[in-house]
Amino acid sequence: MTNEDSGSGYVESGQEYQRDQNYIPDRITADGSGGWPVEPGRYRLVVARACPWANRAVIVRRLLGLEPVISMGICGPTHDERSWTFDEDPGGRDPVLGYERLQDAFLARDPQYPRGITVPAMVDVPTKAVVTNDFLQMTLDFSTQWTAFHRDGAPDLYPEALRPQMDEVMQRIFTEVNNGVYRCGFAGSQDAYDAAYRRLFTALDWLSERLSGQRYLMGGSITEADVRLFTTLARFDAVYHGHFKCNRDKLAEMPVLWAYARDLFQTPGFGDTTDFPSIKQHYYVVHADINPTRIVPLGPDTSNWLTPHGREELGGSPFGDGTPPGPPPPGERVPTDHGPGGLGRLP
């Protein structure tokens, strides 16, 4: 059993990687029907910048302007077998929850909690107990349940008319791409790896074709489908190409996807939430079974994320009729030298 990213996984001898998707299913809703009502200031989103599943929650929260009503705690990039830790906060404790480890919020909910301690997690501040770590539903609820607190000009990331098609696209992205890279990296046999590799690049080719004639996955503006794909693409050359052996092509060698990823990266809410050194530190240090030396590579050069992408020629507008979010709150900004062209690794 591994305790990595959002969801523990396992590999039976000679088999493919299986992600444990049994999360705490509680939801925070506008009507409070499940016992957890939408309430400004009540909940704390706990994330790690390194984690792609948590990164998508950070992006959606930022695009919708929910920072004033949902606070955010940030774990460091690495963890041990027990839990993510707040090692980058003063005194090594989250300033709101007072915890050293995210594990404490799960144990406050269930002292015998048996599964992985995962990010993102929504924590009830009054009780300091986790409410949910169901990352797939969490961001959809940000879009549909917290509407009363969306910023002026917030985009509609889950348009009702597009939901049936969006759900199909997002499901394929999850199984074949988001989880597909892990299926490659943690394959338990050559046959399992070969099959995972073919599935991954079949899906990436399908996405390239889909995006060759339209700016975003669902048309002319950003939706949650783009958020879900972006966090895997942002980690592709830095981690998945080498560390997970997803090496048919680098992202930078797939022209359509590379231009699309740069387009998103240069859009407020995407690149300014991406921390390349933390990403590399997490994967290369935590996955000691894959990288036993725990040496973190210096490359690749990330300054190319800021080069022109040319996707404007396809038309559309990132936020539709809306507007970009303002700058991140001061305490949540990715350090300047952790962005494109900055440090290759953490000190």
Protein backbone atom coordinates (compact mmCIF):
# COMPACT_ATOMS: atom_id res chain seq x y z
CA MET A 1 0.00 0.00 0.00
CA THR A 2 1.32 3.45 -0.86
CA ASN A 3 0.20 6.75 0.65
CA GLU A 4 0.79 9.09 -2.25
CA ASP A 5 -1.07 11.99 -3.78
CA SER A 6 -4.83 11.75 -3.48
CA GLY A 7 -5.47 8.09 -3.03
CA SER A 8 -3.56 5.09 -1.90
CA GLY A 9 -2.77 2.44 -4.45
CA TYR A 10 -1.48 -1.06 -4.63
CA VAL A 11 0.15 -3.44 -7.08
CA GLU A 12 -0.34 -7.17 -6.82
CA SER A 13 2.68 -9.15 -7.99
CA GLY A 14 2.91 -9.03 -11.77
CA GLN A 15 -0.26 -6.97 -12.11
CA GLU A 16 -1.19 -3.40 -12.95
CA TYR A 17 -1.45 -0.54 -10.48
CA GLN A 18 -4.89 -0.13 -8.87
CA ARG A 19 -5.94 3.16 -7.28
CA ASP A 20 -7.95 2.89 -4.08
CA GLN A 21 -10.88 5.20 -4.78
CA ASN A 22 -12.81 4.68 -1.55
CA TYR A 23 -12.89 8.23 -0.22
CA ILE A 24 -14.98 9.87 2.49
CA PRO A 25 -18.09 10.65 0.40
CA ASP A 26 -19.60 13.48 2.47
CA ARG A 27 -20.46 16.63 0.56
CA ILE A 28 -20.69 20.28 1.54
CA THR A 29 -23.89 21.53 -0.09
CA ALA A 30 -25.86 24.75 -0.37
CA ASP A 31 -28.89 23.22 1.37
CA GLY A 32 -26.83 21.33 3.96
CA SER A 33 -28.83 18.19 3.26
CA GLY A 34 -25.90 15.93 4.09
CA GLY A 35 -25.14 17.66 7.36
CA TRP A 36 -22.43 19.94 5.98
CA PRO A 37 -23.86 23.31 4.87
CA VAL A 38 -21.97 25.82 2.76
CA GLU A 39 -20.77 28.40 5.25
CA PRO A 40 -18.07 31.05 4.73
CA GLY A 41 -15.03 30.59 6.94
CA ARG A 42 -16.09 27.20 8.29
CA TYR A 43 -13.95 24.92 6.13
CA ARG A 44 -10.25 24.69 5.36
CA LEU A 45 -8.98 23.18 2.14
CA VAL A 46 -5.78 21.27 2.85
CA VAL A 47 -3.55 20.71 -0.18
CA ALA A 48 0.00 20.01 -1.28
CA ARG A 49 1.24 21.91 -4.31
CA ALA A 50 3.09 18.82 -5.48
CA CYS A 51 -0.05 16.71 -5.82
CA PRO A 52 -1.95 16.90 -9.14
CA TRP A 53 -5.29 16.04 -7.51
CA ALA A 54 -4.84 18.82 -4.93
CA ASN A 55 -3.54 21.25 -7.56
CA ARG A 56 -6.85 21.02 -9.41
CA ALA A 57 -8.72 22.04 -6.23
CA VAL A 58 -6.36 25.01 -5.81
CA ILE A 59 -7.00 26.11 -9.40
CA VAL A 60 -10.79 25.79 -9.21
CA ARG A 61 -10.94 27.64 -5.88
CA ARG A 62 -8.85 30.43 -7.38
CA LEU A 63 -10.74 30.68 -10.69
CA LEU A 64 -14.06 30.95 -8.81
CA GLY A 65 -12.71 33.45 -6.28
CA LEU A 66 -13.45 31.33 -3.22
CA GLU A 67 -10.27 32.32 -1.34
CA PRO A 68 -12.13 34.68 1.07
CA VAL A 69 -14.60 31.99 2.15
CA ILE A 70 -12.54 28.77 2.06
CA SER A 71 -9.15 29.09 3.72
CA MET A 72 -6.25 26.94 2.54
CA GLY A 73 -3.57 25.00 4.37
CA ILE A 74 -0.50 23.89 2.43
CA CYS A 75 1.46 20.75 3.25
CA GLY A 76 5.08 20.31 2.26
CA PRO A 77 6.04 18.32 -0.84
CA THR A 78 7.07 15.10 0.90
CA HIS A 79 5.52 12.76 3.44
CA ASP A 80 6.26 9.50 5.20
CA GLU A 81 4.06 6.41 5.45
CA ARG A 82 1.85 8.13 8.04
CA SER A 83 0.79 11.41 6.54
CA TRP A 84 1.38 14.67 4.76
CA THR A 85 2.89 17.23 7.13
CA PHE A 86 2.75 20.99 7.60
CA ASP A 87 6.52 21.25 7.74
CA GLU A 88 6.68 24.54 5.84
CA ASP A 89 4.52 26.41 8.38
CA PRO A 90 6.08 28.19 11.39
CA GLY A 91 6.75 25.59 14.05
CA GLY A 92 5.72 22.86 11.63
CA ARG A 93 2.01 23.32 12.46
CA ASP A 94 -0.94 24.48 10.39
CA PRO A 95 -1.75 27.94 11.82
CA VAL A 96 -5.53 27.34 11.78
CA LEU A 97 -5.89 23.66 12.70
CA GLY A 98 -2.83 23.48 14.93
CA TYR A 99 -1.88 20.11 13.47
CA GLU A 100 1.57 18.89 12.52
CA ARG A 101 0.11 16.15 10.32
CA LEU A 102 -2.98 15.97 8.13
CA GLN A 103 -3.47 12.53 9.66
CA ASP A 104 -4.76 14.22 12.81
CA ALA A 105 -7.78 15.62 10.95
CA PHE A 106 -8.66 12.14 9.68
CA LEU A 107 -8.26 10.61 13.15
CA ALA A 108 -10.46 13.37 14.59
CA ARG A 109 -13.15 12.13 12.22
CA ASP A 110 -12.48 8.42 12.82
CA PRO A 111 -9.87 7.28 15.39
CA GLN A 112 -9.60 4.00 13.48
CA TYR A 113 -9.44 5.56 10.00
CA PRO A 114 -8.07 2.72 7.88
CA ARG A 115 -7.17 4.27 4.54
CA GLY A 116 -4.66 6.62 2.99
CA ILE A 117 -4.33 10.17 4.33
CA THR A 118 -4.88 12.08 1.11
CA VAL A 119 -5.00 15.60 -0.29
CA PRO A 120 -7.03 17.55 -1.13
CA ALA A 121 -9.12 17.37 2.03
CA MET A 122 -11.83 19.67 3.28
CA VAL A 123 -11.61 20.05 7.07
CA ASP A 124 -14.31 21.41 9.38
CA VAL A 125 -12.48 24.11 11.34
CA PRO A 126 -14.71 24.06 14.48
CA THR A 127 -14.20 20.31 15.04
CA LYS A 128 -10.86 20.07 13.20
CA ALA A 129 -12.15 16.88 11.59
CA VAL A 130 -11.99 16.03 7.91
CA VAL A 131 -15.28 16.33 6.04
CA THR A 132 -14.31 14.81 2.70
CA ASN A 133 -11.31 13.85 0.61
CA ASP A 134 -13.38 12.95 -2.46
CA PHE A 135 -11.38 15.06 -4.88
CA LEU A 136 -13.52 14.18 -7.91
CA GLN A 137 -16.72 15.59 -6.35
CA MET A 138 -15.09 18.34 -4.32
CA THR A 139 -14.27 20.66 -7.21
CA LEU A 140 -17.64 20.10 -8.88
CA ASP A 141 -19.25 21.20 -5.62
CA PHE A 142 -17.09 24.33 -5.60
CA SER A 143 -18.75 25.15 -8.93
CA THR A 144 -22.32 24.14 -8.14
CA GLN A 145 -22.80 24.52 -4.36
CA TRP A 146 -20.77 27.62 -3.55
CA THR A 147 -22.27 29.83 -6.28
CA ALA A 148 -23.48 32.44 -3.77
CA PHE A 149 -19.82 33.18 -3.00
CA HIS A 150 -18.29 33.09 -6.48
CA ARG A 151 -16.45 36.25 -7.45
CA ASP A 152 -17.93 38.65 -9.98
CA GLY A 153 -16.86 37.43 -13.41
CA ALA A 154 -16.21 33.87 -12.28
CA PRO A 155 -16.32 31.34 -15.15
CA ASP A 156 -18.89 28.57 -15.36
CA LEU A 157 -16.56 25.60 -15.06
CA TYR A 158 -19.33 22.98 -15.16
CA PRO A 159 -21.95 24.29 -17.61
CA GLU A 160 -25.21 22.42 -17.19
CA ALA A 161 -25.80 21.97 -20.91
CA LEU A 162 -22.38 20.37 -21.37
CA ARG A 163 -22.38 18.09 -18.32
CA PRO A 164 -23.26 14.78 -19.99
CA GLN A 165 -20.48 15.17 -22.57
CA MET A 166 -18.10 16.71 -20.02
CA ASP A 167 -18.56 13.80 -17.65
CA GLU A 168 -17.59 11.37 -20.42
CA VAL A 169 -14.52 13.40 -21.37
CA MET A 170 -13.42 13.82 -17.75
CA GLN A 171 -13.89 10.12 -17.02
CA ARG A 172 -11.65 9.19 -19.95
CA ILE A 173 -9.07 11.76 -18.88
CA PHE A 174 -9.10 10.33 -15.35
CA THR A 175 -8.79 6.66 -16.22
CA GLU A 176 -6.45 6.97 -19.20
CA VAL A 177 -4.32 10.05 -18.45
CA ASN A 178 -4.51 11.26 -14.82
CA ASN A 179 -4.35 7.70 -13.51
CA GLY A 180 -2.71 6.36 -16.65
CA VAL A 181 0.67 7.83 -15.81
CA TYR A 182 0.54 6.10 -12.42
CA ARG A 183 -0.44 2.85 -14.10
CA CYS A 184 2.79 3.12 -16.09
CA GLY A 185 4.96 4.18 -13.17
CA PHE A 186 3.80 1.53 -10.72
CA ALA A 187 3.28 -1.36 -13.16
CA GLY A 188 4.11 -4.68 -11.55
CA SER A 189 5.30 -6.44 -14.70
CA GLN A 190 6.56 -5.73 -18.20
CA ASP A 191 3.21 -6.76 -19.70
CA ALA A 192 1.30 -4.48 -17.33
CA TYR A 193 3.61 -1.59 -18.17
CA ASP A 194 3.39 -2.17 -21.92
CA ALA A 195 -0.41 -2.17 -21.79
CA ALA A 196 -0.49 0.95 -19.60
CA TYR A 197 1.93 2.77 -21.90
CA ARG A 198 -0.20 2.04 -24.97
CA ARG A 199 -3.39 3.13 -23.21
CA LEU A 200 -1.82 6.41 -22.08
CA PHE A 201 -0.50 7.47 -25.46
CA THR A 202 -3.67 6.36 -27.24
CA ALA A 203 -5.54 8.80 -25.00
CA LEU A 204 -3.00 11.58 -25.49
CA ASP A 205 -3.30 11.15 -29.27
CA TRP A 206 -7.09 11.36 -28.94
CA LEU A 207 -6.77 14.57 -26.93
CA SER A 208 -4.36 16.05 -29.48
CA GLU A 209 -6.86 15.41 -32.22
CA ARG A 210 -9.72 16.87 -30.18
CA LEU A 211 -7.74 20.02 -29.40
CA SER A 212 -6.38 20.55 -32.89
CA GLY A 213 -9.49 22.44 -33.95
CA GLN A 214 -10.75 24.00 -30.73
CA ARG A 215 -8.98 25.99 -28.06
CA TYR A 216 -10.28 24.08 -25.02
CA LEU A 217 -11.62 20.61 -24.38
CA MET A 218 -15.28 21.64 -24.42
CA GLY A 219 -15.05 24.50 -26.93
CA GLY A 220 -14.14 28.16 -26.68
CA SER A 221 -13.70 28.62 -22.92
CA ILE A 222 -12.17 26.87 -19.94
CA THR A 223 -14.11 24.23 -18.01
CA GLU A 224 -13.18 21.83 -15.24
CA ALA A 225 -12.19 19.30 -17.91
CA ASP A 226 -9.25 21.55 -18.80
CA VAL A 227 -8.26 21.89 -15.15
CA ARG A 228 -8.19 18.11 -14.76
CA LEU A 229 -6.01 17.58 -17.81
CA PHE A 230 -3.68 20.49 -17.09
CA THR A 231 -2.33 19.20 -13.78
CA THR A 232 -1.10 16.00 -15.43
CA LEU A 233 0.40 17.84 -18.41
CA ALA A 234 2.19 20.28 -16.09
CA ARG A 235 4.00 17.33 -14.47
CA PHE A 236 4.65 15.36 -17.64
CA ASP A 237 8.15 16.40 -18.67
CA ALA A 238 9.32 17.17 -15.13
CA VAL A 239 8.27 13.80 -13.69
CA TYR A 240 6.16 11.36 -15.69
CA HIS A 241 8.33 11.14 -18.82
CA GLY A 242 11.34 9.80 -16.90
CA HIS A 243 10.25 8.80 -13.41
CA PHE A 244 7.11 6.95 -14.59
CA LYS A 245 8.64 5.80 -17.92
CA CYS A 246 5.98 7.61 -20.00
CA ASN A 247 8.61 8.25 -22.64
CA ARG A 248 7.23 7.83 -26.13
CA ASP A 249 7.29 11.63 -26.37
CA LYS A 250 7.86 14.54 -24.07
CA LEU A 251 4.98 16.96 -23.79
CA ALA A 252 7.22 19.48 -25.56
CA GLU A 253 7.35 17.03 -28.50
CA MET A 254 3.56 16.82 -28.86
CA PRO A 255 2.80 20.10 -30.65
CA VAL A 256 -0.94 20.45 -30.01
CA LEU A 257 -0.87 19.41 -26.35
CA TRP A 258 2.25 21.46 -25.68
CA ALA A 259 0.68 24.63 -27.13
CA TYR A 260 -2.58 23.93 -25.26
CA ALA A 261 -0.72 23.38 -21.96
CA ARG A 262 1.23 26.64 -22.39
CA ASP A 263 -1.98 28.49 -23.18
CA LEU A 264 -3.45 27.31 -19.87
CA PHE A 265 -0.21 27.88 -17.95
CA GLN A 266 -0.15 31.50 -19.04
CA THR A 267 -3.77 31.96 -17.91
CA PRO A 268 -4.21 33.35 -14.36
CA GLY A 269 -5.02 30.52 -11.97
CA PHE A 270 -2.95 27.84 -13.69
CA GLY A 271 0.74 28.71 -13.94
CA ASP A 272 0.64 30.81 -10.79
CA THR A 273 -0.42 27.73 -8.79
CA THR A 274 2.26 25.43 -10.29
CA ASP A 275 5.38 24.77 -8.19
CA PHE A 276 7.92 22.80 -10.23
CA PRO A 277 10.54 22.18 -7.49
CA SER A 278 7.87 20.91 -5.09
CA ILE A 279 6.50 18.62 -7.79
CA LYS A 280 9.89 17.04 -8.42
CA GLN A 281 10.76 16.84 -4.73
CA HIS A 282 7.57 14.89 -4.05
CA TYR A 283 7.83 12.26 -6.73
CA TYR A 284 11.57 11.63 -6.68
CA VAL A 285 11.86 11.54 -2.87
CA VAL A 286 8.61 9.86 -1.79
CA HIS A 287 8.64 7.12 -4.43
CA ALA A 288 11.78 5.45 -3.10
CA ASP A 289 10.67 2.12 -4.59
CA ILE A 290 11.06 3.69 -8.05
CA ASN A 291 13.94 6.05 -7.21
CA PRO A 292 15.87 4.45 -4.32
CA THR A 293 18.66 7.05 -4.41
CA ARG A 294 16.07 9.83 -3.96
CA ILE A 295 18.18 12.07 -6.19
CA VAL A 296 16.09 14.94 -7.57
CA PRO A 297 17.00 15.93 -11.14
CA LEU A 298 17.95 19.51 -11.92
CA GLY A 299 16.10 19.59 -15.24
CA PRO A 300 14.15 20.13 -17.29
CA ASP A 301 14.40 23.83 -18.09
CA THR A 302 10.90 25.21 -17.41
CA SER A 303 11.37 28.65 -18.95
CA ASN A 304 9.80 27.34 -22.17
CA TRP A 305 6.38 27.37 -20.47
CA LEU A 306 6.33 31.13 -21.09
CA THR A 307 6.96 30.97 -24.84
CA PRO A 308 4.19 32.00 -27.29
CA HIS A 309 1.60 29.28 -27.92
CA GLY A 310 -0.47 30.68 -30.80
CA ARG A 311 -3.72 29.16 -29.57
CA GLU A 312 -5.51 32.52 -29.77
CA GLU A 313 -5.90 31.86 -33.49
CA LEU A 314 -8.53 29.23 -32.65
CA GLY A 315 -10.77 31.93 -31.17
CA GLY A 316 -12.62 31.69 -27.90
CA SER A 317 -11.84 33.35 -24.61
CA PRO A 318 -10.47 31.64 -21.48
CA PHE A 319 -13.22 32.92 -19.19
CA GLY A 320 -16.06 33.24 -21.70
CA ASP A 321 -18.05 36.32 -20.73
CA GLY A 322 -16.25 36.46 -17.39
CA THR A 323 -12.94 37.91 -16.24
CA PRO A 324 -9.61 36.58 -14.95
CA PRO A 325 -9.08 36.21 -11.20
CA GLY A 326 -6.91 38.73 -9.44
CA PRO A 327 -3.49 37.85 -8.03
CA PRO A 328 -3.25 35.08 -5.43
CA PRO A 329 -3.44 36.16 -1.76
CA PRO A 330 0.06 36.96 -0.44
CA GLY A 331 0.29 33.88 1.79
CA GLU A 332 -0.61 31.56 -1.07
CA ARG A 333 1.76 32.73 -3.80
CA VAL A 334 4.17 30.23 -5.31
CA PRO A 335 7.71 31.56 -4.73
CA THR A 336 8.97 33.35 -7.83
CA ASP A 337 11.99 31.08 -8.15
CA HIS A 338 9.74 27.99 -8.09
CA GLY A 339 8.10 28.98 -11.36
CA PRO A 340 9.34 28.78 -14.96
CA GLY A 341 13.07 29.03 -15.22
CA GLY A 342 13.52 29.04 -11.44
CA LEU A 343 15.27 26.55 -9.21
CA GLY A 344 15.50 23.04 -10.54
CA ARG A 345 14.96 21.64 -7.06
CA LEU A 346 14.33 22.73 -3.51
CA PRO A 347 17.39 23.69 -1.41
